[in-house]
Amino acid sequence: MCASVAGKRGRSVLVLDHANKVGKKILMSGGGRCNFTNLYTAPD
């Protein structure tokens, strides 16, 4: 997410990861369906 935001500001961006593919935790989250946000998000 940070890479996309910074890149769109014209910054050159490089993302490095030691894993063999990106977003591993995203892929397994929510039973494979990714609970990507919550309608009621608040600081509490």
All heavy atoms as atom14 arrays in JSON, in Angstrom:
{
  "sequence": "MCASVAGKRGRSVLVLDHANKVGKKILMSGGGRCNFTNLYTAPD",
  "atom14_mask": [
    [1, 1, 1, 1, 1, 1, 1, 1, 0, 0, 0, 0, 0, 0],
    [1, 1, 1, 1, 1, 1, 0, 0, 0, 0, 0, 0, 0, 0],
    [1, 1, 1, 1, 1, 0, 0, 0, 0, 0, 0, 0, 0, 0],
    [1, 1, 1, 1, 1, 1, 0, 0, 0, 0, 0, 0, 0, 0],
    [1, 1, 1, 1, 1, 1, 1, 0, 0, 0, 0, 0, 0, 0],
    [1, 1, 1, 1, 1, 0, 0, 0, 0, 0, 0, 0, 0, 0],
    [1, 1, 1, 1, 0, 0, 0, 0, 0, 0, 0, 0, 0, 0],
    [1, 1, 1, 1, 1, 1, 1, 1, 1, 0, 0, 0, 0, 0],
    [1, 1, 1, 1, 1, 1, 1, 1, 1, 1, 1, 0, 0, 0],
    [1, 1, 1, 1, 0, 0, 0, 0, 0, 0, 0, 0, 0, 0],
    [1, 1, 1, 1, 1, 1, 1, 1, 1, 1, 1, 0, 0, 0],
    [1, 1, 1, 1, 1, 1, 0, 0, 0, 0, 0, 0, 0, 0],
    [1, 1, 1, 1, 1, 1, 1, 0, 0, 0, 0, 0, 0, 0],
    [1, 1, 1, 1, 1, 1, 1, 1, 0, 0, 0, 0, 0, 0],
    [1, 1, 1, 1, 1, 1, 1, 0, 0, 0, 0, 0, 0, 0],
    [1, 1, 1, 1, 1, 1, 1, 1, 0, 0, 0, 0, 0, 0],
    [1, 1, 1, 1, 1, 1, 1, 1, 0, 0, 0, 0, 0, 0],
    [1, 1, 1, 1, 1, 1, 1, 1, 1, 1, 0, 0, 0, 0],
    [1, 1, 1, 1, 1, 0, 0, 0, 0, 0, 0, 0, 0, 0],
    [1, 1, 1, 1, 1, 1, 1, 1, 0, 0, 0, 0, 0, 0],
    [1, 1, 1, 1, 1, 1, 1, 1, 1, 0, 0, 0, 0, 0],
    [1, 1, 1, 1, 1, 1, 1, 0, 0, 0, 0, 0, 0, 0],
    [1, 1, 1, 1, 0, 0, 0, 0, 0, 0, 0, 0, 0, 0],
    [1, 1, 1, 1, 1, 1, 1, 1, 1, 0, 0, 0, 0, 0],
    [1, 1, 1, 1, 1, 1, 1, 1, 1, 0, 0, 0, 0, 0],
    [1, 1, 1, 1, 1, 1, 1, 1, 0, 0, 0, 0, 0, 0],
    [1, 1, 1, 1, 1, 1, 1, 1, 0, 0, 0, 0, 0, 0],
    [1, 1, 1, 1, 1, 1, 1, 1, 0, 0, 0, 0, 0, 0],
    [1, 1, 1, 1, 1, 1, 0, 0, 0, 0, 0, 0, 0, 0],
    [1, 1, 1, 1, 0, 0, 0, 0, 0, 0, 0, 0, 0, 0],
    [1, 1, 1, 1, 0, 0, 0, 0, 0, 0, 0, 0, 0, 0],
    [1, 1, 1, 1, 0, 0, 0, 0, 0, 0, 0, 0, 0, 0],
    [1, 1, 1, 1, 1, 1, 1, 1, 1, 1, 1, 0, 0, 0],
    [1, 1, 1, 1, 1, 1, 0, 0, 0, 0, 0, 0, 0, 0],
    [1, 1, 1, 1, 1, 1, 1, 1, 0, 0, 0, 0, 0, 0],
    [1, 1, 1, 1, 1, 1, 1, 1, 1, 1, 1, 0, 0, 0],
    [1, 1, 1, 1, 1, 1, 1, 0, 0, 0, 0, 0, 0, 0],
    [1, 1, 1, 1, 1, 1, 1, 1, 0, 0, 0, 0, 0, 0],
    [1, 1, 1, 1, 1, 1, 1, 1, 0, 0, 0, 0, 0, 0],
    [1, 1, 1, 1, 1, 1, 1, 1, 1, 1, 1, 1, 0, 0],
    [1, 1, 1, 1, 1, 1, 1, 0, 0, 0, 0, 0, 0, 0],
    [1, 1, 1, 1, 1, 0, 0, 0, 0, 0, 0, 0, 0, 0],
    [1, 1, 1, 1, 1, 1, 1, 0, 0, 0, 0, 0, 0, 0],
    [1, 1, 1, 1, 1, 1, 1, 1, 0, 0, 0, 0, 0, 0]
  ],
  "atom14_positions": [
    [[0.84, -1.2, 0.0], [0.0, 0.0, 0.0], [0.88, 1.26, 0.0], [0.65, 2.2, -0.77], [-0.91, -0.01, 1.23], [-1.86, 1.17, 1.31], [-3.17, 1.0, 0.07], [-4.29, 2.28, 0.61], [0.0, 0.0, 0.0], [0.0, 0.0, 0.0], [0.0, 0.0, 0.0], [0.0, 0.0, 0.0], [0.0, 0.0, 0.0], [0.0, 0.0, 0.0]],
    [[1.89, 1.26, 0.84], [2.79, 2.41, 0.93], [3.51, 2.64, -0.4], [3.67, 3.78, -0.85], [3.8, 2.18, 2.05], [4.9, 3.57, 2.35], [0.0, 0.0, 0.0], [0.0, 0.0, 0.0], [0.0, 0.0, 0.0], [0.0, 0.0, 0.0], [0.0, 0.0, 0.0], [0.0, 0.0, 0.0], [0.0, 0.0, 0.0], [0.0, 0.0, 0.0]],
    [[3.92, 1.55, -1.04], [4.63, 1.65, -2.32], [3.77, 2.33, -3.38], [4.24, 3.19, -4.13], [5.03, 0.25, -2.79], [0.0, 0.0, 0.0], [0.0, 0.0, 0.0], [0.0, 0.0, 0.0], [0.0, 0.0, 0.0], [0.0, 0.0, 0.0], [0.0, 0.0, 0.0], [0.0, 0.0, 0.0], [0.0, 0.0, 0.0], [0.0, 0.0, 0.0]],
    [[2.49, 1.97, -3.43], [1.61, 2.56, -4.44], [1.38, 4.04, -4.19], [1.36, 4.85, -5.12], [0.27, 1.8, -4.49], [-0.5, 2.04, -3.34], [0.0, 0.0, 0.0], [0.0, 0.0, 0.0], [0.0, 0.0, 0.0], [0.0, 0.0, 0.0], [0.0, 0.0, 0.0], [0.0, 0.0, 0.0], [0.0, 0.0, 0.0], [0.0, 0.0, 0.0]],
    [[1.23, 4.41, -2.92], [0.97, 5.82, -2.58], [2.21, 6.67, -2.86], [2.14, 7.74, -3.48], [0.55, 5.96, -1.09], [0.39, 7.43, -0.71], [-0.76, 5.21, -0.84], [0.0, 0.0, 0.0], [0.0, 0.0, 0.0], [0.0, 0.0, 0.0], [0.0, 0.0, 0.0], [0.0, 0.0, 0.0], [0.0, 0.0, 0.0], [0.0, 0.0, 0.0]],
    [[3.37, 6.19, -2.44], [4.62, 6.94, -2.66], [4.95, 7.04, -4.14], [5.36, 8.11, -4.64], [5.77, 6.28, -1.9], [0.0, 0.0, 0.0], [0.0, 0.0, 0.0], [0.0, 0.0, 0.0], [0.0, 0.0, 0.0], [0.0, 0.0, 0.0], [0.0, 0.0, 0.0], [0.0, 0.0, 0.0], [0.0, 0.0, 0.0], [0.0, 0.0, 0.0]],
    [[4.76, 5.95, -4.87], [5.06, 5.94, -6.31], [4.2, 6.92, -7.08], [4.67, 7.56, -8.03], [0.0, 0.0, 0.0], [0.0, 0.0, 0.0], [0.0, 0.0, 0.0], [0.0, 0.0, 0.0], [0.0, 0.0, 0.0], [0.0, 0.0, 0.0], [0.0, 0.0, 0.0], [0.0, 0.0, 0.0], [0.0, 0.0, 0.0], [0.0, 0.0, 0.0]],
    [[2.96, 7.06, -6.68], [2.05, 7.97, -7.39], [2.39, 9.44, -7.11], [1.89, 10.33, -7.78], [0.6, 7.66, -7.0], [0.11, 6.38, -7.68], [-1.28, 5.98, -7.24], [-1.66, 4.65, -7.88], [-2.96, 4.17, -7.44], [0.0, 0.0, 0.0], [0.0, 0.0, 0.0], [0.0, 0.0, 0.0], [0.0, 0.0, 0.0], [0.0, 0.0, 0.0]],
    [[3.24, 9.67, -6.12], [3.74, 11.03, -5.87], [4.98, 11.32, -6.7], [5.6, 12.37, -6.55], [4.06, 11.19, -4.39], [2.86, 11.18, -3.46], [3.26, 11.24, -1.99], [4.24, 12.3, -1.75], [5.44, 12.12, -1.19], [5.82, 10.91, -0.81], [6.26, 13.12, -1.02], [0.0, 0.0, 0.0], [0.0, 0.0, 0.0], [0.0, 0.0, 0.0]],
    [[5.37, 10.36, -7.53], [6.54, 10.56, -8.39], [7.84, 10.09, -7.77], [8.91, 10.32, -8.34], [0.0, 0.0, 0.0], [0.0, 0.0, 0.0], [0.0, 0.0, 0.0], [0.0, 0.0, 0.0], [0.0, 0.0, 0.0], [0.0, 0.0, 0.0], [0.0, 0.0, 0.0], [0.0, 0.0, 0.0], [0.0, 0.0, 0.0], [0.0, 0.0, 0.0]],
    [[7.75, 9.42, -6.62], [8.96, 8.89, -5.98], [9.33, 7.56, -6.62], [8.45, 6.75, -6.94], [8.71, 8.69, -4.48], [8.25, 9.94, -3.75], [9.37, 10.93, -3.57], [10.18, 10.58, -2.39], [11.39, 11.05, -2.17], [11.96, 11.86, -3.06], [12.06, 10.71, -1.07], [0.0, 0.0, 0.0], [0.0, 0.0, 0.0], [0.0, 0.0, 0.0]],
    [[10.61, 7.3, -6.77], [11.03, 5.97, -7.22], [10.99, 5.06, -6.0], [11.48, 5.41, -4.93], [12.43, 6.0, -7.83], [13.38, 6.45, -6.88], [0.0, 0.0, 0.0], [0.0, 0.0, 0.0], [0.0, 0.0, 0.0], [0.0, 0.0, 0.0], [0.0, 0.0, 0.0], [0.0, 0.0, 0.0], [0.0, 0.0, 0.0], [0.0, 0.0, 0.0]],
    [[10.34, 3.89, -6.16], [10.07, 3.01, -5.02], [10.54, 1.59, -5.32], [10.27, 1.05, -6.4], [8.56, 2.98, -4.68], [8.31, 2.07, -3.48], [8.03, 4.38, -4.41], [0.0, 0.0, 0.0], [0.0, 0.0, 0.0], [0.0, 0.0, 0.0], [0.0, 0.0, 0.0], [0.0, 0.0, 0.0], [0.0, 0.0, 0.0], [0.0, 0.0, 0.0]],
    [[11.21, 0.99, -4.34], [11.62, -0.41, -4.43], [11.13, -1.12, -3.17], [11.35, -0.65, -2.06], [13.15, -0.51, -4.52], [13.75, -1.92, -4.49], [13.3, -2.75, -5.69], [15.28, -1.85, -4.42], [0.0, 0.0, 0.0], [0.0, 0.0, 0.0], [0.0, 0.0, 0.0], [0.0, 0.0, 0.0], [0.0, 0.0, 0.0], [0.0, 0.0, 0.0]],
    [[10.44, -2.27, -3.37], [9.96, -3.09, -2.26], [10.74, -4.39, -2.25], [10.84, -5.07, -3.27], [8.45, -3.4, -2.39], [7.94, -4.15, -1.16], [7.64, -2.13, -2.61], [0.0, 0.0, 0.0], [0.0, 0.0, 0.0], [0.0, 0.0, 0.0], [0.0, 0.0, 0.0], [0.0, 0.0, 0.0], [0.0, 0.0, 0.0], [0.0, 0.0, 0.0]],
    [[11.28, -4.74, -1.08], [12.04, -5.99, -0.94], [11.38, -6.9, 0.09], [10.89, -6.43, 1.13], [13.48, -5.7, -0.49], [14.32, -4.8, -1.39], [15.7, -4.61, -0.78], [14.42, -5.36, -2.8], [0.0, 0.0, 0.0], [0.0, 0.0, 0.0], [0.0, 0.0, 0.0], [0.0, 0.0, 0.0], [0.0, 0.0, 0.0], [0.0, 0.0, 0.0]],
    [[11.37, -8.21, -0.2], [10.82, -9.17, 0.75], [11.63, -10.46, 0.69], [12.04, -10.88, -0.4], [9.35, -9.47, 0.45], [8.62, -10.05, 1.65], [8.97, -11.17, 2.09], [7.69, -9.4, 2.16], [0.0, 0.0, 0.0], [0.0, 0.0, 0.0], [0.0, 0.0, 0.0], [0.0, 0.0, 0.0], [0.0, 0.0, 0.0], [0.0, 0.0, 0.0]],
    [[11.85, -11.08, 1.86], [12.65, -12.31, 1.89], [11.84, -13.54, 1.45], [12.41, -14.57, 1.13], [13.22, -12.54, 3.29], [12.18, -12.9, 4.31], [11.3, -11.98, 4.82], [11.88, -14.08, 4.92], [10.51, -12.58, 5.71], [10.84, -13.85, 5.78], [0.0, 0.0, 0.0], [0.0, 0.0, 0.0], [0.0, 0.0, 0.0], [0.0, 0.0, 0.0]],
    [[10.5, -13.42, 1.42], [9.66, -14.56, 1.05], [9.7, -14.8, -0.46], [10.2, -13.98, -1.23], [8.23, -14.31, 1.51], [0.0, 0.0, 0.0], [0.0, 0.0, 0.0], [0.0, 0.0, 0.0], [0.0, 0.0, 0.0], [0.0, 0.0, 0.0], [0.0, 0.0, 0.0], [0.0, 0.0, 0.0], [0.0, 0.0, 0.0], [0.0, 0.0, 0.0]],
    [[9.12, -15.94, -0.86], [9.13, -16.28, -2.29], [7.99, -15.63, -3.07], [7.96, -15.66, -4.29], [9.09, -17.81, -2.49], [7.84, -18.43, -1.88], [7.14, -17.79, -1.11], [7.58, -19.67, -2.23], [0.0, 0.0, 0.0], [0.0, 0.0, 0.0], [0.0, 0.0, 0.0], [0.0, 0.0, 0.0], [0.0, 0.0, 0.0], [0.0, 0.0, 0.0]],
    [[7.0, -15.07, -2.35], [5.93, -14.34, -3.03], [5.37, -13.27, -2.1], [5.55, -13.34, -0.88], [4.83, -15.28, -3.5], [4.13, -16.07, -2.43], [3.1, -17.02, -3.06], [2.45, -17.9, -2.0], [1.51, -18.87, -2.6], [0.0, 0.0, 0.0], [0.0, 0.0, 0.0], [0.0, 0.0, 0.0], [0.0, 0.0, 0.0], [0.0, 0.0, 0.0]],
    [[4.69, -12.3, -2.68], [4.17, -11.17, -1.88], [2.83, -11.53, -1.23], [2.14, -12.43, -1.69], [4.01, -9.91, -2.76], [5.3, -9.56, -3.47], [2.86, -10.07, -3.75], [0.0, 0.0, 0.0], [0.0, 0.0, 0.0], [0.0, 0.0, 0.0], [0.0, 0.0, 0.0], [0.0, 0.0, 0.0], [0.0, 0.0, 0.0], [0.0, 0.0, 0.0]],
    [[2.5, -10.79, -0.18], [1.16, -10.85, 0.42], [0.74, -12.19, 0.97], [-0.45, -12.53, 0.94], [0.0, 0.0, 0.0], [0.0, 0.0, 0.0], [0.0, 0.0, 0.0], [0.0, 0.0, 0.0], [0.0, 0.0, 0.0], [0.0, 0.0, 0.0], [0.0, 0.0, 0.0], [0.0, 0.0, 0.0], [0.0, 0.0, 0.0], [0.0, 0.0, 0.0]],
    [[1.68, -12.96, 1.52], [1.33, -14.3, 2.0], [0.24, -14.27, 3.08], [-0.66, -15.1, 3.09], [2.57, -15.0, 2.55], [3.44, -15.65, 1.49], [4.5, -16.53, 2.14], [5.17, -17.42, 1.11], [6.09, -18.38, 1.75], [0.0, 0.0, 0.0], [0.0, 0.0, 0.0], [0.0, 0.0, 0.0], [0.0, 0.0, 0.0], [0.0, 0.0, 0.0]],
    [[0.36, -13.32, 4.01], [-0.62, -13.26, 5.1], [-1.99, -12.82, 4.59], [-3.03, -13.24, 5.11], [-0.12, -12.31, 6.19], [-0.23, -12.9, 7.59], [0.42, -12.03, 8.63], [-0.23, -12.29, 9.98], [0.26, -11.4, 11.02], [0.0, 0.0, 0.0], [0.0, 0.0, 0.0], [0.0, 0.0, 0.0], [0.0, 0.0, 0.0], [0.0, 0.0, 0.0]],
    [[-1.99, -11.97, 3.57], [-3.26, -11.56, 2.95], [-3.94, -12.79, 2.36], [-5.14, -13.01, 2.53], [-3.04, -10.52, 1.84], [-2.34, -9.28, 2.38], [-4.37, -10.14, 1.18], [-1.94, -8.27, 1.3], [0.0, 0.0, 0.0], [0.0, 0.0, 0.0], [0.0, 0.0, 0.0], [0.0, 0.0, 0.0], [0.0, 0.0, 0.0], [0.0, 0.0, 0.0]],
    [[-3.18, -13.61, 1.66], [-3.73, -14.76, 0.96], [-4.4, -15.75, 1.9], [-5.42, -16.35, 1.56], [-2.64, -15.47, 0.15], [-2.09, -14.69, -1.05], [-0.85, -15.36, -1.61], [-3.15, -14.54, -2.14], [0.0, 0.0, 0.0], [0.0, 0.0, 0.0], [0.0, 0.0, 0.0], [0.0, 0.0, 0.0], [0.0, 0.0, 0.0], [0.0, 0.0, 0.0]],
    [[-3.84, -15.93, 3.11], [-4.42, -16.91, 4.02], [-5.47, -16.31, 4.97], [-6.15, -17.02, 5.68], [-3.32, -17.62, 4.83], [-2.44, -16.72, 5.69], [-3.1, -16.15, 7.27], [-3.11, -17.68, 8.18], [0.0, 0.0, 0.0], [0.0, 0.0, 0.0], [0.0, 0.0, 0.0], [0.0, 0.0, 0.0], [0.0, 0.0, 0.0], [0.0, 0.0, 0.0]],
    [[-5.62, -15.0, 4.95], [-6.49, -14.34, 5.92], [-7.98, -14.57, 5.6], [-8.36, -14.79, 4.46], [-6.21, -12.83, 5.95], [-6.6, -12.25, 4.72], [0.0, 0.0, 0.0], [0.0, 0.0, 0.0], [0.0, 0.0, 0.0], [0.0, 0.0, 0.0], [0.0, 0.0, 0.0], [0.0, 0.0, 0.0], [0.0, 0.0, 0.0], [0.0, 0.0, 0.0]],
    [[-8.77, -14.49, 6.66], [-10.22, -14.61, 6.5], [-10.65, -15.9, 5.86], [-11.61, -15.93, 5.08], [0.0, 0.0, 0.0], [0.0, 0.0, 0.0], [0.0, 0.0, 0.0], [0.0, 0.0, 0.0], [0.0, 0.0, 0.0], [0.0, 0.0, 0.0], [0.0, 0.0, 0.0], [0.0, 0.0, 0.0], [0.0, 0.0, 0.0], [0.0, 0.0, 0.0]],
    [[-9.93, -17.01, 6.18], [-10.29, -18.29, 5.58], [-10.11, -18.29, 4.07], [-10.81, -19.0, 3.35], [0.0, 0.0, 0.0], [0.0, 0.0, 0.0], [0.0, 0.0, 0.0], [0.0, 0.0, 0.0], [0.0, 0.0, 0.0], [0.0, 0.0, 0.0], [0.0, 0.0, 0.0], [0.0, 0.0, 0.0], [0.0, 0.0, 0.0], [0.0, 0.0, 0.0]],
    [[-9.16, -17.45, 3.59], [-8.9, -17.38, 2.15], [-9.74, -16.36, 1.43], [-9.69, -16.25, 0.2], [0.0, 0.0, 0.0], [0.0, 0.0, 0.0], [0.0, 0.0, 0.0], [0.0, 0.0, 0.0], [0.0, 0.0, 0.0], [0.0, 0.0, 0.0], [0.0, 0.0, 0.0], [0.0, 0.0, 0.0], [0.0, 0.0, 0.0], [0.0, 0.0, 0.0]],
    [[-10.53, -15.56, 2.2], [-11.37, -14.54, 1.57], [-11.03, -13.12, 2.02], [-11.65, -12.18, 1.56], [-12.84, -14.84, 1.81], [-13.31, -16.07, 1.03], [-14.8, -16.14, 0.91], [-15.2, -17.21, 0.02], [-16.44, -17.54, -0.24], [-17.43, -16.87, 0.36], [-16.75, -18.51, -1.07], [0.0, 0.0, 0.0], [0.0, 0.0, 0.0], [0.0, 0.0, 0.0]],
    [[-10.07, -12.98, 2.91], [-9.54, -11.68, 3.32], [-10.59, -10.72, 3.88], [-11.3, -10.06, 3.13], [-8.78, -11.0, 2.18], [-7.89, -9.52, 2.76], [0.0, 0.0, 0.0], [0.0, 0.0, 0.0], [0.0, 0.0, 0.0], [0.0, 0.0, 0.0], [0.0, 0.0, 0.0], [0.0, 0.0, 0.0], [0.0, 0.0, 0.0], [0.0, 0.0, 0.0]],
    [[-10.62, -10.64, 5.19], [-11.49, -9.66, 5.87], [-10.74, -8.32, 5.84], [-10.05, -7.96, 6.77], [-11.72, -10.15, 7.3], [-12.56, -9.22, 8.15], [-12.6, -9.38, 9.35], [-13.21, -8.24, 7.55], [0.0, 0.0, 0.0], [0.0, 0.0, 0.0], [0.0, 0.0, 0.0], [0.0, 0.0, 0.0], [0.0, 0.0, 0.0], [0.0, 0.0, 0.0]],
    [[-10.91, -7.58, 4.72], [-10.01, -6.48, 4.38], [-10.25, -5.18, 5.13], [-9.4, -4.29, 5.14], [-10.0, -6.23, 2.87], [-11.36, -5.94, 2.27], [-11.92, -4.68, 2.34], [-12.05, -6.95, 1.61], [-13.16, -4.41, 1.78], [-13.3, -6.69, 1.04], [-13.87, -5.42, 1.13], [0.0, 0.0, 0.0], [0.0, 0.0, 0.0], [0.0, 0.0, 0.0]],
    [[-11.42, -5.01, 5.75], [-11.64, -3.84, 6.62], [-12.9, -4.08, 7.43], [-13.54, -5.14, 7.34], [-11.74, -2.52, 5.83], [-11.65, -1.42, 6.75], [-13.05, -2.39, 5.07], [0.0, 0.0, 0.0], [0.0, 0.0, 0.0], [0.0, 0.0, 0.0], [0.0, 0.0, 0.0], [0.0, 0.0, 0.0], [0.0, 0.0, 0.0], [0.0, 0.0, 0.0]],
    [[-13.26, -3.11, 8.25], [-14.47, -3.19, 9.05], [-15.23, -1.87, 8.95], [-14.64, -0.8, 9.07], [-14.13, -3.49, 10.51], [-15.36, -3.92, 11.3], [-16.27, -3.13, 11.52], [-15.38, -5.18, 11.71], [0.0, 0.0, 0.0], [0.0, 0.0, 0.0], [0.0, 0.0, 0.0], [0.0, 0.0, 0.0], [0.0, 0.0, 0.0], [0.0, 0.0, 0.0]],
    [[-16.53, -1.97, 8.72], [-17.37, -0.78, 8.56], [-17.34, 0.12, 9.79], [-17.56, 1.33, 9.69], [-18.84, -1.2, 8.31], [-19.12, -1.91, 6.99], [-20.58, -2.39, 6.97], [-18.85, -0.99, 5.79], [0.0, 0.0, 0.0], [0.0, 0.0, 0.0], [0.0, 0.0, 0.0], [0.0, 0.0, 0.0], [0.0, 0.0, 0.0], [0.0, 0.0, 0.0]],
    [[-17.08, -0.46, 10.95], [-17.17, 0.3, 12.2], [-15.8, 0.66, 12.79], [-15.68, 0.91, 13.98], [-18.0, -0.49, 13.22], [-19.34, -0.89, 12.68], [-19.72, -2.23, 12.61], [-20.23, 0.07, 12.2], [-20.95, -2.6, 12.09], [-21.47, -0.3, 11.67], [-21.82, -1.63, 11.61], [-23.04, -1.99, 11.09], [0.0, 0.0, 0.0], [0.0, 0.0, 0.0]],
    [[-14.78, 0.71, 11.94], [-13.43, 1.01, 12.44], [-13.4, 2.35, 13.18], [-13.87, 3.36, 12.67], [-12.42, 1.07, 11.27], [-12.45, -0.17, 10.58], [-11.01, 1.31, 11.8], [0.0, 0.0, 0.0], [0.0, 0.0, 0.0], [0.0, 0.0, 0.0], [0.0, 0.0, 0.0], [0.0, 0.0, 0.0], [0.0, 0.0, 0.0], [0.0, 0.0, 0.0]],
    [[-12.83, 2.32, 14.37], [-12.65, 3.53, 15.19], [-11.43, 3.3, 16.08], [-11.03, 2.16, 16.32], [-13.9, 3.78, 16.03], [0.0, 0.0, 0.0], [0.0, 0.0, 0.0], [0.0, 0.0, 0.0], [0.0, 0.0, 0.0], [0.0, 0.0, 0.0], [0.0, 0.0, 0.0], [0.0, 0.0, 0.0], [0.0, 0.0, 0.0], [0.0, 0.0, 0.0]],
    [[-10.83, 4.37, 16.59], [-9.64, 4.21, 17.45], [-9.86, 3.28, 18.64], [-8.91, 2.63, 19.1], [-9.36, 5.64, 17.9], [-9.87, 6.49, 16.79], [-11.11, 5.79, 16.3], [0.0, 0.0, 0.0], [0.0, 0.0, 0.0], [0.0, 0.0, 0.0], [0.0, 0.0, 0.0], [0.0, 0.0, 0.0], [0.0, 0.0, 0.0], [0.0, 0.0, 0.0]],
    [[-11.1, 3.19, 19.13], [-11.38, 2.33, 20.28], [-11.19, 0.85, 19.97], [-11.19, 0.02, 20.89], [-12.82, 2.55, 20.77], [-13.0, 3.89, 21.45], [-11.98, 4.55, 21.73], [-14.15, 4.29, 21.69], [0.0, 0.0, 0.0], [0.0, 0.0, 0.0], [0.0, 0.0, 0.0], [0.0, 0.0, 0.0], [0.0, 0.0, 0.0], [0.0, 0.0, 0.0]]
  ]
}
